[in-house]
Amino acid sequence: MNNHQNAIFHQITNFLKTPLALLGVDLKNFQFNKICHFANHPYLCKGLTLYYHF
């Protein structure tokens, strides 16, 4: 994960902390990083980009 992705990841986790804490979800045990792992593979996003252009 590069610095830009790290900054976005921390912004998202900071944004989600309060609502998830109210629901009893612990972000330390939540594997959010695995959900965002596709961002490290731009070729996976290429089809998504083309989809939105049509």
PDB file of N, CA and C in Angstrom:
ATOM      1  N   MET A   1       0.848  -1.166   0.000  1.00  0.00           N
ATOM      2  CA  MET A   1       0.000   0.000   0.000  1.00  0.00           C
ATOM      3  C   MET A   1       0.897   1.233   0.000  1.00  0.00           C
ATOM      4  N   ASN A   2       0.651   2.171  -0.912  1.00  0.00           N
ATOM      5  CA  ASN A   2       1.474   3.372  -0.947  1.00  0.00           C
ATOM      6  C   ASN A   2       0.944   4.408   0.040  1.00  0.00           C
ATOM      7  N   ASN A   3       1.630   5.552   0.132  1.00  0.00           N
ATOM      8  CA  ASN A   3       1.262   6.569   1.120  1.00  0.00           C
ATOM      9  C   ASN A   3      -0.139   7.113   0.891  1.00  0.00           C
ATOM     10  N   HIS A   4      -0.511   7.302  -0.377  1.00  0.00           N
ATOM     11  CA  HIS A   4      -1.849   7.819  -0.677  1.00  0.00           C
ATOM     12  C   HIS A   4      -2.924   6.829  -0.237  1.00  0.00           C
ATOM     13  N   GLN A   5      -2.695   5.555  -0.508  1.00  0.00           N
ATOM     14  CA  GLN A   5      -3.656   4.533  -0.096  1.00  0.00           C
ATOM     15  C   GLN A   5      -3.719   4.439   1.419  1.00  0.00           C
ATOM     16  N   ASN A   6      -2.567   4.585   2.095  1.00  0.00           N
ATOM     17  CA  ASN A   6      -2.559   4.567   3.557  1.00  0.00           C
ATOM     18  C   ASN A   6      -3.380   5.715   4.113  1.00  0.00           C
ATOM     19  N   ALA A   7      -3.245   6.913   3.529  1.00  0.00           N
ATOM     20  CA  ALA A   7      -3.989   8.077   4.005  1.00  0.00           C
ATOM     21  C   ALA A   7      -5.486   7.854   3.843  1.00  0.00           C
ATOM     22  N   ILE A   8      -5.894   7.323   2.694  1.00  0.00           N
ATOM     23  CA  ILE A   8      -7.317   7.061   2.453  1.00  0.00           C
ATOM     24  C   ILE A   8      -7.823   5.986   3.408  1.00  0.00           C
ATOM     25  N   PHE A   9      -7.027   4.940   3.605  1.00  0.00           N
ATOM     26  CA  PHE A   9      -7.417   3.862   4.512  1.00  0.00           C
ATOM     27  C   PHE A   9      -7.650   4.396   5.919  1.00  0.00           C
ATOM     28  N   HIS A  10      -6.741   5.267   6.407  1.00  0.00           N
ATOM     29  CA  HIS A  10      -6.888   5.806   7.757  1.00  0.00           C
ATOM     30  C   HIS A  10      -8.069   6.757   7.854  1.00  0.00           C
ATOM     31  N   GLN A  11      -8.346   7.520   6.794  1.00  0.00           N
ATOM     32  CA  GLN A  11      -9.519   8.392   6.802  1.00  0.00           C
ATOM     33  C   GLN A  11     -10.800   7.566   6.883  1.00  0.00           C
ATOM     34  N   ILE A  12     -10.842   6.486   6.121  1.00  0.00           N
ATOM     35  CA  ILE A  12     -12.039   5.632   6.128  1.00  0.00           C
ATOM     36  C   ILE A  12     -12.221   4.979   7.492  1.00  0.00           C
ATOM     37  N   THR A  13     -11.132   4.459   8.062  1.00  0.00           N
ATOM     38  CA  THR A  13     -11.267   3.792   9.360  1.00  0.00           C
ATOM     39  C   THR A  13     -11.622   4.784  10.447  1.00  0.00           C
ATOM     40  N   ASN A  14     -11.075   6.002  10.379  1.00  0.00           N
ATOM     41  CA  ASN A  14     -11.439   7.015  11.365  1.00  0.00           C
ATOM     42  C   ASN A  14     -12.908   7.392  11.229  1.00  0.00           C
ATOM     43  N   PHE A  15     -13.394   7.471   9.996  1.00  0.00           N
ATOM     44  CA  PHE A  15     -14.793   7.800   9.746  1.00  0.00           C
ATOM     45  C   PHE A  15     -15.724   6.704  10.276  1.00  0.00           C
ATOM     46  N   LEU A  16     -15.299   5.444  10.174  1.00  0.00           N
ATOM     47  CA  LEU A  16     -16.145   4.322  10.570  1.00  0.00           C
ATOM     48  C   LEU A  16     -16.052   3.969  12.045  1.00  0.00           C
ATOM     49  N   LYS A  17     -15.054   4.478  12.746  1.00  0.00           N
ATOM     50  CA  LYS A  17     -14.831   4.063  14.135  1.00  0.00           C
ATOM     51  C   LYS A  17     -16.045   4.287  15.024  1.00  0.00           C
ATOM     52  N   THR A  18     -16.607   5.487  15.009  1.00  0.00           N
ATOM     53  CA  THR A  18     -17.711   5.791  15.922  1.00  0.00           C
ATOM     54  C   THR A  18     -18.957   4.960  15.635  1.00  0.00           C
ATOM     55  N   PRO A  19     -19.460   4.940  14.383  1.00  0.00           N
ATOM     56  CA  PRO A  19     -20.667   4.127  14.157  1.00  0.00           C
ATOM     57  C   PRO A  19     -20.449   2.642  14.427  1.00  0.00           C
ATOM     58  N   LEU A  20     -19.264   2.136  14.066  1.00  0.00           N
ATOM     59  CA  LEU A  20     -19.009   0.720  14.305  1.00  0.00           C
ATOM     60  C   LEU A  20     -18.828   0.431  15.786  1.00  0.00           C
ATOM     61  N   ALA A  21     -18.254   1.379  16.516  1.00  0.00           N
ATOM     62  CA  ALA A  21     -18.110   1.200  17.959  1.00  0.00           C
ATOM     63  C   ALA A  21     -19.486   1.126  18.615  1.00  0.00           C
ATOM     64  N   LEU A  22     -20.416   1.932  18.123  1.00  0.00           N
ATOM     65  CA  LEU A  22     -21.778   1.894  18.656  1.00  0.00           C
ATOM     66  C   LEU A  22     -22.445   0.548  18.375  1.00  0.00           C
ATOM     67  N   LEU A  23     -22.030  -0.090  17.291  1.00  0.00           N
ATOM     68  CA  LEU A  23     -22.568  -1.404  16.945  1.00  0.00           C
ATOM     69  C   LEU A  23     -21.787  -2.542  17.588  1.00  0.00           C
ATOM     70  N   GLY A  24     -20.695  -2.204  18.273  1.00  0.00           N
ATOM     71  CA  GLY A  24     -19.895  -3.219  18.950  1.00  0.00           C
ATOM     72  C   GLY A  24     -18.894  -3.916  18.051  1.00  0.00           C
ATOM     73  N   VAL A  25     -18.496  -3.279  16.952  1.00  0.00           N
ATOM     74  CA  VAL A  25     -17.527  -3.872  16.025  1.00  0.00           C
ATOM     75  C   VAL A  25     -16.153  -3.311  16.342  1.00  0.00           C
ATOM     76  N   ASP A  26     -15.172  -4.182  16.487  1.00  0.00           N
ATOM     77  CA  ASP A  26     -13.804  -3.766  16.777  1.00  0.00           C
ATOM     78  C   ASP A  26     -13.018  -3.712  15.475  1.00  0.00           C
ATOM     79  N   LEU A  27     -12.550  -2.506  15.087  1.00  0.00           N
ATOM     80  CA  LEU A  27     -11.827  -2.361  13.828  1.00  0.00           C
ATOM     81  C   LEU A  27     -10.492  -3.088  13.829  1.00  0.00           C
ATOM     82  N   LYS A  28      -9.932  -3.352  15.002  1.00  0.00           N
ATOM     83  CA  LYS A  28      -8.663  -4.067  15.052  1.00  0.00           C
ATOM     84  C   LYS A  28      -8.834  -5.498  14.546  1.00  0.00           C
ATOM     85  N   ASN A  29     -10.006  -6.058  14.735  1.00  0.00           N
ATOM     86  CA  ASN A  29     -10.275  -7.424  14.291  1.00  0.00           C
ATOM     87  C   ASN A  29     -10.951  -7.467  12.922  1.00  0.00           C
ATOM     88  N   PHE A  30     -11.313  -6.307  12.406  1.00  0.00           N
ATOM     89  CA  PHE A  30     -12.019  -6.216  11.134  1.00  0.00           C
ATOM     90  C   PHE A  30     -11.001  -6.160  10.002  1.00  0.00           C
ATOM     91  N   GLN A  31     -11.096  -7.050   9.042  1.00  0.00           N
ATOM     92  CA  GLN A  31     -10.100  -7.155   7.978  1.00  0.00           C
ATOM     93  C   GLN A  31     -10.446  -6.232   6.809  1.00  0.00           C
ATOM     94  N   PHE A  32     -10.543  -4.930   7.082  1.00  0.00           N
ATOM     95  CA  PHE A  32     -10.893  -3.963   6.049  1.00  0.00           C
ATOM     96  C   PHE A  32      -9.811  -3.886   4.982  1.00  0.00           C
ATOM     97  N   ASN A  33      -8.571  -4.092   5.384  1.00  0.00           N
ATOM     98  CA  ASN A  33      -7.454  -4.020   4.445  1.00  0.00           C
ATOM     99  C   ASN A  33      -7.609  -5.049   3.328  1.00  0.00           C
ATOM    100  N   LYS A  34      -8.166  -6.207   3.628  1.00  0.00           N
ATOM    101  CA  LYS A  34      -8.360  -7.230   2.604  1.00  0.00           C
ATOM    102  C   LYS A  34      -9.434  -6.808   1.607  1.00  0.00           C
ATOM    103  N   ILE A  35     -10.415  -6.052   2.072  1.00  0.00           N
ATOM    104  CA  ILE A  35     -11.456  -5.558   1.174  1.00  0.00           C
ATOM    105  C   ILE A  35     -10.851  -4.573   0.176  1.00  0.00           C
ATOM    106  N   CYS A  36      -9.914  -3.747   0.627  1.00  0.00           N
ATOM    107  CA  CYS A  36      -9.304  -2.726  -0.224  1.00  0.00           C
ATOM    108  C   CYS A  36      -8.109  -3.252  -1.003  1.00  0.00           C
ATOM    109  N   HIS A  37      -7.809  -4.529  -0.889  1.00  0.00           N
ATOM    110  CA  HIS A  37      -6.611  -5.077  -1.518  1.00  0.00           C
ATOM    111  C   HIS A  37      -6.649  -4.957  -3.040  1.00  0.00           C
ATOM    112  N   PHE A  38      -7.844  -4.914  -3.636  1.00  0.00           N
ATOM    113  CA  PHE A  38      -7.943  -4.807  -5.084  1.00  0.00           C
ATOM    114  C   PHE A  38      -7.329  -3.521  -5.599  1.00  0.00           C
ATOM    115  N   ALA A  39      -7.221  -2.491  -4.749  1.00  0.00           N
ATOM    116  CA  ALA A  39      -6.665  -1.206  -5.171  1.00  0.00           C
ATOM    117  C   ALA A  39      -5.193  -1.328  -5.545  1.00  0.00           C
ATOM    118  N   ASN A  40      -4.527  -2.387  -5.105  1.00  0.00           N
ATOM    119  CA  ASN A  40      -3.125  -2.585  -5.443  1.00  0.00           C
ATOM    120  C   ASN A  40      -2.953  -3.237  -6.810  1.00  0.00           C
ATOM    121  N   HIS A  41      -4.055  -3.573  -7.462  1.00  0.00           N
ATOM    122  CA  HIS A  41      -4.006  -4.239  -8.762  1.00  0.00           C
ATOM    123  C   HIS A  41      -4.821  -3.436  -9.771  1.00  0.00           C
ATOM    124  N   PRO A  42      -4.203  -2.423 -10.401  1.00  0.00           N
ATOM    125  CA  PRO A  42      -4.958  -1.542 -11.305  1.00  0.00           C
ATOM    126  C   PRO A  42      -5.638  -2.273 -12.459  1.00  0.00           C
ATOM    127  N   TYR A  43      -5.078  -3.412 -12.882  1.00  0.00           N
ATOM    128  CA  TYR A  43      -5.693  -4.127 -13.997  1.00  0.00           C
ATOM    129  C   TYR A  43      -7.072  -4.652 -13.625  1.00  0.00           C
ATOM    130  N   LEU A  44      -7.348  -4.842 -12.339  1.00  0.00           N
ATOM    131  CA  LEU A  44      -8.679  -5.282 -11.920  1.00  0.00           C
ATOM    132  C   LEU A  44      -9.685  -4.143 -12.022  1.00  0.00           C
ATOM    133  N   CYS A  45      -9.216  -2.915 -11.894  1.00  0.00           N
ATOM    134  CA  CYS A  45     -10.103  -1.754 -11.933  1.00  0.00           C
ATOM    135  C   CYS A  45     -10.355  -1.271 -13.358  1.00  0.00           C
ATOM    136  N   LYS A  46      -9.548  -1.718 -14.317  1.00  0.00           N
ATOM    137  CA  LYS A  46      -9.667  -1.243 -15.691  1.00  0.00           C
ATOM    138  C   LYS A  46     -11.053  -1.548 -16.255  1.00  0.00           C
ATOM    139  N   GLY A  47     -11.541  -2.738 -16.041  1.00  0.00           N
ATOM    140  CA  GLY A  47     -12.863  -3.094 -16.527  1.00  0.00           C
ATOM    141  C   GLY A  47     -13.957  -2.274 -15.878  1.00  0.00           C
ATOM    142  N   LEU A  48     -13.784  -1.938 -14.618  1.00  0.00           N
ATOM    143  CA  LEU A  48     -14.771  -1.109 -13.931  1.00  0.00           C
ATOM    144  C   LEU A  48     -14.807   0.279 -14.539  1.00  0.00           C
ATOM    145  N   THR A  49     -13.639   0.812 -14.871  1.00  0.00           N
ATOM    146  CA  THR A  49     -13.559   2.137 -15.475  1.00  0.00           C
ATOM    147  C   THR A  49     -14.248   2.138 -16.836  1.00  0.00           C
ATOM    148  N   LEU A  50     -13.990   1.112 -17.637  1.00  0.00           N
ATOM    149  CA  LEU A  50     -14.619   1.031 -18.951  1.00  0.00           C
ATOM    150  C   LEU A  50     -16.127   0.872 -18.827  1.00  0.00           C
ATOM    151  N   TYR A  51     -16.559   0.162 -17.823  1.00  0.00           N
ATOM    152  CA  TYR A  51     -17.987  -0.050 -17.615  1.00  0.00           C
ATOM    153  C   TYR A  51     -18.712   1.276 -17.399  1.00  0.00           C
ATOM    154  N   TYR A  52     -18.103   2.164 -16.617  1.00  0.00           N
ATOM    155  CA  TYR A  52     -18.746   3.435 -16.312  1.00  0.00           C
ATOM    156  C   TYR A  52     -18.703   4.415 -17.480  1.00  0.00           C
ATOM    157  N   HIS A  53     -17.802   4.202 -18.443  1.00  0.00           N
ATOM    158  CA  HIS A  53     -17.724   5.102 -19.585  1.00  0.00           C
ATOM    159  C   HIS A  53     -18.819   4.829 -20.609  1.00  0.00           C
ATOM    160  N   PHE A  54     -19.377   3.634 -20.623  1.00  0.00           N
ATOM    161  CA  PHE A  54     -20.377   3.296 -21.641  1.00  0.00           C
ATOM    162  C   PHE A  54     -21.737   3.635 -21.181  1.00  0.00           C
TER     163      PHE A  54
END
